[in-house]
Amino acid sequence: MIAIGGSIGTGLFVASGASISQAGPGGAMVAYMLIGLMVYFLMTSLGEMAAFMPVSGSFATYGSKFVDEGFGFALGWNYWYSWAVTLAVELVAAQLVMNYWFPHVPGVWWSALFLTLIFALNALS
């Protein structure tokens, strides 16, 4: 369940409302299925590359080896940047969800609460 929760992400709860309002429930379902199919093909391709040529390093190593050194370098830094901003994005998403039920509480309090909770859980693990 933790893996499923980590792969779904908060975007399903926060951003799916805009998708459903623009495309309708059927259009949103078709869009999610198409993106899911593309991600499936991407991950099976990455799995095949890892089985064919196991390397010490991340998937950016495959970008350096099969495309270009600069591509692998940029891929690694883009991956780092995406994880560097993930905490802020998750805190804003939690703030948006909590403001739906508690609109009178300032959003900065929710962000501070969840940041403290995340820090405490990571410190205890």
N, C-alpha and C. Protein backbone atom coordinates (compact mmCIF):
# COMPACT_ATOMS: atom_id res chain seq x y z
N MET A 1 0.81 -1.19 0.00
CA MET A 1 0.00 0.00 0.00
C MET A 1 0.86 1.26 0.00
N ILE A 2 2.01 1.20 0.66
CA ILE A 2 2.89 2.37 0.68
C ILE A 2 3.40 2.65 -0.73
N ALA A 3 3.75 1.59 -1.47
CA ALA A 3 4.24 1.79 -2.84
C ALA A 3 3.15 2.37 -3.73
N ILE A 4 1.93 1.91 -3.57
CA ILE A 4 0.83 2.45 -4.38
C ILE A 4 0.59 3.92 -4.01
N GLY A 5 0.60 4.23 -2.73
CA GLY A 5 0.41 5.61 -2.30
C GLY A 5 1.53 6.52 -2.78
N GLY A 6 2.75 6.00 -2.81
CA GLY A 6 3.86 6.80 -3.30
C GLY A 6 3.85 7.00 -4.79
N SER A 7 3.30 6.04 -5.51
CA SER A 7 3.27 6.18 -6.97
C SER A 7 2.09 7.02 -7.44
N ILE A 8 1.00 7.01 -6.72
CA ILE A 8 -0.15 7.81 -7.13
C ILE A 8 0.13 9.29 -6.92
N GLY A 9 0.57 9.66 -5.75
CA GLY A 9 0.91 11.05 -5.48
C GLY A 9 -0.30 11.91 -5.18
N THR A 10 -0.02 13.13 -4.77
CA THR A 10 -1.10 14.04 -4.41
C THR A 10 -1.75 14.67 -5.63
N GLY A 11 -1.11 14.59 -6.77
CA GLY A 11 -1.69 15.16 -7.98
C GLY A 11 -3.02 14.53 -8.34
N LEU A 12 -3.20 13.27 -7.97
CA LEU A 12 -4.47 12.61 -8.25
C LEU A 12 -5.61 13.30 -7.51
N PHE A 13 -5.36 13.75 -6.29
CA PHE A 13 -6.41 14.36 -5.49
C PHE A 13 -6.55 15.85 -5.76
N VAL A 14 -5.44 16.52 -6.06
CA VAL A 14 -5.46 17.97 -6.22
C VAL A 14 -5.77 18.38 -7.66
N ALA A 15 -5.16 17.74 -8.63
CA ALA A 15 -5.27 18.18 -10.02
C ALA A 15 -6.33 17.45 -10.83
N SER A 16 -6.88 16.36 -10.31
CA SER A 16 -7.84 15.62 -11.12
C SER A 16 -9.16 16.38 -11.28
N GLY A 17 -9.46 17.31 -10.38
CA GLY A 17 -10.69 18.10 -10.52
C GLY A 17 -10.68 18.95 -11.78
N ALA A 18 -9.53 19.55 -12.09
CA ALA A 18 -9.42 20.37 -13.31
C ALA A 18 -9.54 19.49 -14.55
N SER A 19 -8.96 18.30 -14.51
CA SER A 19 -9.04 17.39 -15.66
C SER A 19 -10.48 16.95 -15.90
N ILE A 20 -11.17 16.61 -14.83
CA ILE A 20 -12.55 16.14 -14.97
C ILE A 20 -13.46 17.28 -15.42
N SER A 21 -13.22 18.50 -14.95
CA SER A 21 -14.08 19.61 -15.35
C SER A 21 -13.87 19.98 -16.82
N GLN A 22 -12.66 19.78 -17.36
CA GLN A 22 -12.41 20.12 -18.76
C GLN A 22 -12.78 18.99 -19.71
N ALA A 23 -12.44 17.76 -19.36
CA ALA A 23 -12.63 16.65 -20.29
C ALA A 23 -13.81 15.77 -19.93
N GLY A 24 -14.38 15.93 -18.76
CA GLY A 24 -15.43 15.05 -18.32
C GLY A 24 -14.83 13.77 -17.74
N PRO A 25 -15.67 12.96 -17.09
CA PRO A 25 -15.12 11.75 -16.47
C PRO A 25 -14.58 10.75 -17.48
N GLY A 26 -15.24 10.61 -18.61
CA GLY A 26 -14.75 9.67 -19.63
C GLY A 26 -13.44 10.12 -20.25
N GLY A 27 -13.36 11.41 -20.57
CA GLY A 27 -12.13 11.93 -21.16
C GLY A 27 -10.96 11.86 -20.20
N ALA A 28 -11.22 12.14 -18.92
CA ALA A 28 -10.15 12.05 -17.92
C ALA A 28 -9.69 10.61 -17.76
N MET A 29 -10.63 9.67 -17.81
CA MET A 29 -10.26 8.25 -17.69
C MET A 29 -9.42 7.81 -18.88
N VAL A 30 -9.81 8.23 -20.08
CA VAL A 30 -9.02 7.89 -21.28
C VAL A 30 -7.63 8.50 -21.20
N ALA A 31 -7.54 9.75 -20.74
CA ALA A 31 -6.23 10.40 -20.61
C ALA A 31 -5.36 9.68 -19.59
N TYR A 32 -5.92 9.31 -18.44
CA TYR A 32 -5.15 8.58 -17.43
C TYR A 32 -4.71 7.22 -17.96
N MET A 33 -5.57 6.56 -18.72
CA MET A 33 -5.20 5.25 -19.27
C MET A 33 -4.08 5.39 -20.31
N LEU A 34 -4.14 6.42 -21.15
CA LEU A 34 -3.08 6.61 -22.14
C LEU A 34 -1.74 6.93 -21.48
N ILE A 35 -1.76 7.80 -20.50
CA ILE A 35 -0.52 8.13 -19.79
C ILE A 35 -0.01 6.91 -19.03
N GLY A 36 -0.90 6.15 -18.43
CA GLY A 36 -0.49 4.92 -17.74
C GLY A 36 0.13 3.93 -18.69
N LEU A 37 -0.40 3.82 -19.90
CA LEU A 37 0.17 2.93 -20.90
C LEU A 37 1.56 3.40 -21.32
N MET A 38 1.71 4.71 -21.49
CA MET A 38 3.03 5.24 -21.85
C MET A 38 4.05 5.00 -20.74
N VAL A 39 3.64 5.19 -19.49
CA VAL A 39 4.55 4.95 -18.36
C VAL A 39 4.90 3.47 -18.28
N TYR A 40 3.93 2.60 -18.56
CA TYR A 40 4.21 1.16 -18.56
C TYR A 40 5.27 0.81 -19.59
N PHE A 41 5.14 1.32 -20.80
CA PHE A 41 6.13 1.05 -21.84
C PHE A 41 7.50 1.63 -21.47
N LEU A 42 7.50 2.81 -20.88
CA LEU A 42 8.76 3.43 -20.46
C LEU A 42 9.46 2.58 -19.40
N MET A 43 8.71 2.13 -18.41
CA MET A 43 9.33 1.37 -17.33
C MET A 43 9.74 -0.03 -17.78
N THR A 44 8.99 -0.65 -18.68
CA THR A 44 9.45 -1.95 -19.19
C THR A 44 10.70 -1.78 -20.03
N SER A 45 10.81 -0.69 -20.77
CA SER A 45 12.03 -0.43 -21.53
C SER A 45 13.22 -0.22 -20.60
N LEU A 46 13.01 0.52 -19.53
CA LEU A 46 14.08 0.74 -18.56
C LEU A 46 14.46 -0.57 -17.88
N GLY A 47 13.49 -1.40 -17.59
CA GLY A 47 13.79 -2.71 -17.01
C GLY A 47 14.57 -3.60 -17.95
N GLU A 48 14.23 -3.56 -19.24
CA GLU A 48 14.98 -4.35 -20.22
C GLU A 48 16.42 -3.86 -20.35
N MET A 49 16.60 -2.53 -20.33
CA MET A 49 17.97 -2.00 -20.39
C MET A 49 18.76 -2.40 -19.16
N ALA A 50 18.12 -2.38 -18.00
CA ALA A 50 18.81 -2.76 -16.76
C ALA A 50 19.17 -4.24 -16.76
N ALA A 51 18.32 -5.08 -17.35
CA ALA A 51 18.63 -6.50 -17.43
C ALA A 51 19.70 -6.78 -18.48
N PHE A 52 19.68 -6.04 -19.57
CA PHE A 52 20.66 -6.24 -20.65
C PHE A 52 22.04 -5.73 -20.26
N MET A 53 22.08 -4.55 -19.64
CA MET A 53 23.36 -3.93 -19.31
C MET A 53 23.29 -3.33 -17.90
N PRO A 54 23.49 -4.16 -16.87
CA PRO A 54 23.46 -3.61 -15.51
C PRO A 54 24.67 -2.70 -15.27
N VAL A 55 24.41 -1.52 -14.75
CA VAL A 55 25.47 -0.55 -14.48
C VAL A 55 25.34 -0.08 -13.04
N SER A 56 26.45 0.39 -12.50
CA SER A 56 26.38 1.02 -11.18
C SER A 56 26.08 2.50 -11.41
N GLY A 57 24.94 2.91 -10.98
CA GLY A 57 24.49 4.27 -11.21
C GLY A 57 23.00 4.28 -11.46
N SER A 58 22.48 5.44 -11.73
CA SER A 58 21.04 5.56 -11.94
C SER A 58 20.71 5.47 -13.42
N PHE A 59 19.48 5.78 -13.75
CA PHE A 59 19.06 5.73 -15.15
C PHE A 59 19.73 6.81 -15.98
N ALA A 60 20.31 7.82 -15.34
CA ALA A 60 21.05 8.85 -16.09
C ALA A 60 22.28 8.25 -16.76
N THR A 61 22.78 7.15 -16.21
CA THR A 61 23.91 6.45 -16.83
C THR A 61 23.53 5.92 -18.20
N TYR A 62 22.31 5.44 -18.34
CA TYR A 62 21.85 4.95 -19.65
C TYR A 62 21.73 6.11 -20.64
N GLY A 63 21.31 7.26 -20.17
CA GLY A 63 21.26 8.44 -21.04
C GLY A 63 22.63 8.83 -21.53
N SER A 64 23.63 8.75 -20.65
CA SER A 64 25.01 9.07 -21.05
C SER A 64 25.55 8.05 -22.03
N LYS A 65 25.22 6.80 -21.81
CA LYS A 65 25.79 5.73 -22.64
C LYS A 65 25.11 5.63 -24.00
N PHE A 66 23.80 5.75 -24.05
CA PHE A 66 23.08 5.51 -25.30
C PHE A 66 22.77 6.77 -26.10
N VAL A 67 22.78 7.95 -25.47
CA VAL A 67 22.45 9.18 -26.20
C VAL A 67 23.67 10.08 -26.28
N ASP A 68 24.06 10.69 -25.15
CA ASP A 68 25.18 11.63 -25.14
C ASP A 68 25.56 11.89 -23.69
N GLU A 69 26.81 12.25 -23.48
CA GLU A 69 27.27 12.58 -22.12
C GLU A 69 26.50 13.77 -21.54
N GLY A 70 26.29 14.78 -22.37
CA GLY A 70 25.55 15.96 -21.91
C GLY A 70 24.11 15.64 -21.56
N PHE A 71 23.51 14.72 -22.30
CA PHE A 71 22.14 14.31 -22.02
C PHE A 71 22.05 13.62 -20.67
N GLY A 72 22.99 12.73 -20.39
CA GLY A 72 23.01 12.05 -19.10
C GLY A 72 23.25 13.01 -17.95
N PHE A 73 24.13 13.99 -18.17
CA PHE A 73 24.39 15.01 -17.16
C PHE A 73 23.13 15.82 -16.87
N ALA A 74 22.47 16.28 -17.92
CA ALA A 74 21.24 17.07 -17.75
C ALA A 74 20.14 16.22 -17.12
N LEU A 75 20.06 14.96 -17.50
CA LEU A 75 19.04 14.07 -16.94
C LEU A 75 19.24 13.89 -15.44
N GLY A 76 20.48 13.73 -15.02
CA GLY A 76 20.76 13.59 -13.60
C GLY A 76 20.42 14.84 -12.81
N TRP A 77 20.77 16.01 -13.33
CA TRP A 77 20.46 17.25 -12.62
C TRP A 77 18.97 17.55 -12.64
N ASN A 78 18.28 17.23 -13.72
CA ASN A 78 16.82 17.43 -13.74
C ASN A 78 16.12 16.52 -12.74
N TYR A 79 16.64 15.30 -12.60
CA TYR A 79 16.06 14.38 -11.62
C TYR A 79 16.29 14.90 -10.20
N TRP A 80 17.48 15.42 -9.94
CA TRP A 80 17.76 16.00 -8.62
C TRP A 80 16.83 17.19 -8.36
N TYR A 81 16.66 18.06 -9.35
CA TYR A 81 15.82 19.24 -9.18
C TYR A 81 14.37 18.84 -8.93
N SER A 82 13.90 17.82 -9.62
CA SER A 82 12.51 17.40 -9.41
C SER A 82 12.29 16.93 -7.97
N TRP A 83 13.27 16.24 -7.40
CA TRP A 83 13.13 15.83 -6.00
C TRP A 83 13.39 16.97 -5.04
N ALA A 84 14.16 17.98 -5.45
CA ALA A 84 14.41 19.12 -4.58
C ALA A 84 13.15 19.96 -4.38
N VAL A 85 12.29 20.04 -5.38
CA VAL A 85 11.07 20.84 -5.25
C VAL A 85 9.87 20.01 -4.81
N THR A 86 10.03 18.70 -4.70
CA THR A 86 8.91 17.84 -4.34
C THR A 86 8.37 18.16 -2.95
N LEU A 87 9.25 18.43 -2.00
CA LEU A 87 8.78 18.73 -0.65
C LEU A 87 7.88 19.96 -0.63
N ALA A 88 8.28 21.00 -1.33
CA ALA A 88 7.46 22.22 -1.37
C ALA A 88 6.12 21.96 -2.05
N VAL A 89 6.14 21.19 -3.11
CA VAL A 89 4.90 20.88 -3.83
C VAL A 89 3.96 20.06 -2.96
N GLU A 90 4.51 19.10 -2.24
CA GLU A 90 3.68 18.27 -1.36
C GLU A 90 3.10 19.09 -0.21
N LEU A 91 3.87 20.02 0.32
CA LEU A 91 3.35 20.87 1.40
C LEU A 91 2.23 21.77 0.91
N VAL A 92 2.36 22.31 -0.29
CA VAL A 92 1.30 23.15 -0.85
C VAL A 92 0.05 22.31 -1.13
N ALA A 93 0.24 21.10 -1.64
CA ALA A 93 -0.91 20.23 -1.90
C ALA A 93 -1.62 19.86 -0.61
N ALA A 94 -0.87 19.55 0.44
CA ALA A 94 -1.50 19.25 1.73
C ALA A 94 -2.24 20.47 2.27
N GLN A 95 -1.66 21.64 2.06
CA GLN A 95 -2.31 22.88 2.49
C GLN A 95 -3.62 23.10 1.74
N LEU A 96 -3.64 22.85 0.44
CA LEU A 96 -4.87 23.01 -0.35
C LEU A 96 -5.95 22.04 0.10
N VAL A 97 -5.56 20.80 0.35
CA VAL A 97 -6.54 19.80 0.78
C VAL A 97 -7.10 20.16 2.15
N MET A 98 -6.25 20.57 3.08
CA MET A 98 -6.72 20.91 4.43
C MET A 98 -7.53 22.20 4.45
N ASN A 99 -7.23 23.14 3.55
CA ASN A 99 -8.02 24.38 3.49
C ASN A 99 -9.44 24.13 3.01
N TYR A 100 -9.68 23.01 2.36
CA TYR A 100 -11.05 22.67 1.96
C TYR A 100 -11.91 22.40 3.20
N TRP A 101 -11.37 21.68 4.18
CA TRP A 101 -12.13 21.35 5.38
C TRP A 101 -12.02 22.41 6.46
N PHE A 102 -10.89 23.08 6.53
CA PHE A 102 -10.67 24.09 7.56
C PHE A 102 -10.27 25.41 6.90
N PRO A 103 -11.22 26.13 6.29
CA PRO A 103 -10.86 27.34 5.56
C PRO A 103 -10.43 28.51 6.45
N HIS A 104 -10.76 28.47 7.72
CA HIS A 104 -10.41 29.57 8.61
C HIS A 104 -8.97 29.49 9.13
N VAL A 105 -8.32 28.35 8.98
CA VAL A 105 -6.93 28.18 9.45
C VAL A 105 -5.99 28.64 8.33
N PRO A 106 -5.02 29.52 8.64
CA PRO A 106 -4.08 29.98 7.60
C PRO A 106 -3.27 28.81 7.02
N GLY A 107 -2.99 28.90 5.74
CA GLY A 107 -2.28 27.83 5.06
C GLY A 107 -0.87 27.61 5.56
N VAL A 108 -0.24 28.67 6.04
CA VAL A 108 1.14 28.53 6.52
C VAL A 108 1.19 27.61 7.75
N TRP A 109 0.11 27.56 8.52
CA TRP A 109 0.08 26.67 9.68
C TRP A 109 0.06 25.21 9.24
N TRP A 110 -0.70 24.93 8.19
CA TRP A 110 -0.73 23.55 7.68
C TRP A 110 0.62 23.15 7.13
N SER A 111 1.25 24.06 6.40
CA SER A 111 2.57 23.74 5.85
C SER A 111 3.58 23.50 6.97
N ALA A 112 3.54 24.33 8.00
CA ALA A 112 4.47 24.15 9.12
C ALA A 112 4.19 22.85 9.86
N LEU A 113 2.92 22.52 10.04
CA LEU A 113 2.56 21.28 10.73
C LEU A 113 3.04 20.06 9.95
N PHE A 114 2.78 20.04 8.65
CA PHE A 114 3.18 18.88 7.85
C PHE A 114 4.69 18.81 7.68
N LEU A 115 5.37 19.95 7.61
CA LEU A 115 6.83 19.94 7.54
C LEU A 115 7.42 19.38 8.82
N THR A 116 6.86 19.76 9.96
CA THR A 116 7.32 19.22 11.24
C THR A 116 7.05 17.72 11.32
N LEU A 117 5.88 17.30 10.85
CA LEU A 117 5.54 15.88 10.86
C LEU A 117 6.49 15.07 9.97
N ILE A 118 6.77 15.58 8.78
CA ILE A 118 7.68 14.89 7.87
C ILE A 118 9.09 14.83 8.46
N PHE A 119 9.54 15.94 9.05
CA PHE A 119 10.86 15.96 9.67
C PHE A 119 10.93 14.97 10.83
N ALA A 120 9.89 14.93 11.68
CA ALA A 120 9.90 14.01 12.82
C ALA A 120 9.89 12.56 12.37
N LEU A 121 9.09 12.24 11.37
CA LEU A 121 9.06 10.86 10.88
C LEU A 121 10.39 10.44 10.27
N ASN A 122 11.04 11.35 9.56
CA ASN A 122 12.35 11.03 8.99
C ASN A 122 13.42 10.94 10.06
N ALA A 123 13.31 11.74 11.11
CA ALA A 123 14.29 11.68 12.19
C ALA A 123 14.16 10.38 12.99
N LEU A 124 12.95 9.86 13.09
CA LEU A 124 12.73 8.62 13.84
C LEU A 124 13.03 7.36 13.03
N SER A 125 13.11 7.48 11.74
CA SER A 125 13.31 6.27 10.94
C SER A 125 14.75 5.90 10.77
